[in-house]
Protein backbone atom coordinates (compact mmCIF):
# COMPACT_ATOMS: atom_id res chain seq x y z
CA PRO A 1 23.69 -20.93 -6.43
CA LYS A 2 21.27 -17.71 -5.94
CA LEU A 3 21.64 -14.25 -4.87
CA GLY A 4 19.77 -11.12 -5.25
CA PRO A 5 17.53 -8.39 -3.72
CA TYR A 6 13.93 -8.88 -2.49
CA LEU A 7 11.30 -6.01 -1.81
CA ALA A 8 8.41 -6.82 0.68
CA TYR A 9 5.30 -5.25 1.74
CA GLY A 10 3.19 -6.66 5.00
CA ILE A 11 -0.39 -6.46 3.74
CA VAL A 12 -2.10 -7.47 7.12
CA GLY A 13 -0.52 -8.94 10.40
CA SER A 14 -1.31 -9.15 14.23
CA ILE A 15 0.58 -9.33 17.63
CA CYS A 16 -0.29 -10.50 20.80
CA ASN A 17 2.42 -9.59 23.57
CA SER A 18 2.70 -9.93 27.18
CA TYR A 19 5.56 -9.14 29.12
CA ASP A 20 5.86 -9.71 32.99
CA TYR A 21 8.19 -7.38 34.95
CA ASP A 22 9.81 -8.29 38.26
CA ASP A 23 5.94 -10.22 38.95
CA ASN A 24 4.53 -6.47 40.07
CA PHE A 25 3.56 -5.20 36.86
CA GLU A 26 2.30 -6.97 33.61
CA TYR A 27 2.01 -5.22 29.99
CA GLN A 28 -0.22 -7.03 27.39
CA TYR A 29 -1.07 -5.53 24.07
CA GLU A 30 -2.92 -7.02 21.21
CA GLY A 31 -3.50 -5.20 17.86
CA TYR A 32 -2.33 -4.64 14.24
CA TYR A 33 1.15 -5.42 13.87
CA PHE A 34 1.86 -2.77 11.35
CA GLY A 35 1.28 0.78 12.26
CA LYS A 36 2.76 4.22 12.85
CA HIS A 37 3.85 2.76 16.39
CA LEU A 38 4.34 -0.46 15.95
CA HIS A 39 6.47 -1.98 12.60
CA ARG A 40 7.07 -0.50 9.12
CA ARG A 41 5.10 -2.37 5.96
CA PHE A 42 8.14 -2.13 3.57
CA ASP A 43 11.21 -3.90 3.55
CA LEU A 44 13.96 -4.56 1.37
CA GLY A 45 16.80 -7.02 1.63
CA LEU A 46 19.15 -9.60 0.04
CA THR A 47 18.48 -13.62 -0.56
CA THR A 48 21.13 -15.78 -0.95
CA GLY A 49 21.08 -19.62 -1.21
CA ALA A 50 21.60 -23.05 -3.15
CA SER A 51 19.95 -25.73 -4.07
CA VAL A 52 20.54 -28.92 -6.05
CA ASP A 53 17.98 -30.61 -8.63
CA TYR A 54 18.16 -34.48 -8.47
CA CYS A 55 15.73 -35.97 -11.49
CA GLN A 56 12.05 -34.02 -11.06
CA PHE A 57 13.04 -33.23 -7.46
CA SER A 58 14.93 -29.89 -6.02
CA PHE A 59 16.35 -29.65 -2.63
CA GLY A 60 17.62 -26.28 -1.47
CA LEU A 61 18.52 -24.09 1.45
CA GLU A 62 18.27 -20.19 1.66
CA TYR A 63 19.03 -17.06 4.02
CA THR A 64 17.14 -13.99 3.60
CA ARG A 65 18.11 -10.64 5.62
CA GLY A 66 16.47 -7.49 5.43
CA PHE A 67 18.54 -4.17 5.38
CA ILE A 68 15.43 -1.68 6.89
CA ASP A 69 15.08 -1.50 10.31
CA VAL A 70 11.31 -2.23 10.72
CA ASP A 71 10.44 -1.53 14.23
CA ALA A 72 8.86 1.98 13.96
CA ILE A 73 8.97 3.01 17.62
CA ASN A 74 12.78 3.97 17.41
CA ASN A 75 13.16 3.12 20.98
CA GLY A 76 16.90 2.17 20.53
CA TYR A 77 16.66 -1.11 19.56
CA ASN A 78 17.09 -2.59 15.68
CA GLU A 79 14.67 -5.18 14.29
CA PHE A 80 15.53 -6.33 11.20
CA ASN A 81 13.56 -9.38 9.21
CA GLN A 82 15.67 -12.80 9.02
CA THR A 83 14.73 -16.39 7.51
CA VAL A 84 16.30 -19.62 7.00
CA SER A 85 14.49 -21.58 4.54
CA ILE A 86 14.56 -25.37 3.54
CA VAL A 87 13.41 -25.52 -0.05
CA LEU A 88 11.61 -28.66 -1.25
CA GLY A 89 10.43 -28.60 -5.08
CA TYR A 90 8.84 -31.13 -7.55
CA LYS A 91 9.37 -29.89 -11.43
CA PHE A 92 6.18 -31.23 -13.22
């Protein structure tokens, strides 16, 4: 079993969005992912999971959930980082 906190810092990222509103108006954005009006760089959260070792191999499943709303716009939506990971390892 695995359970513990994590701290993350976004170094670089880019985003490309395109929205079509009622076939009358299209919005496009390309640029940096992080910034004053986009997403926050820092995140703090919790990781949990489990793994099984067999001989020199390791197999596992993990879930990570951020606690900090990374949306810097504050437009009424909450955005949190979440990941589900499959872990495959080999021990030398």
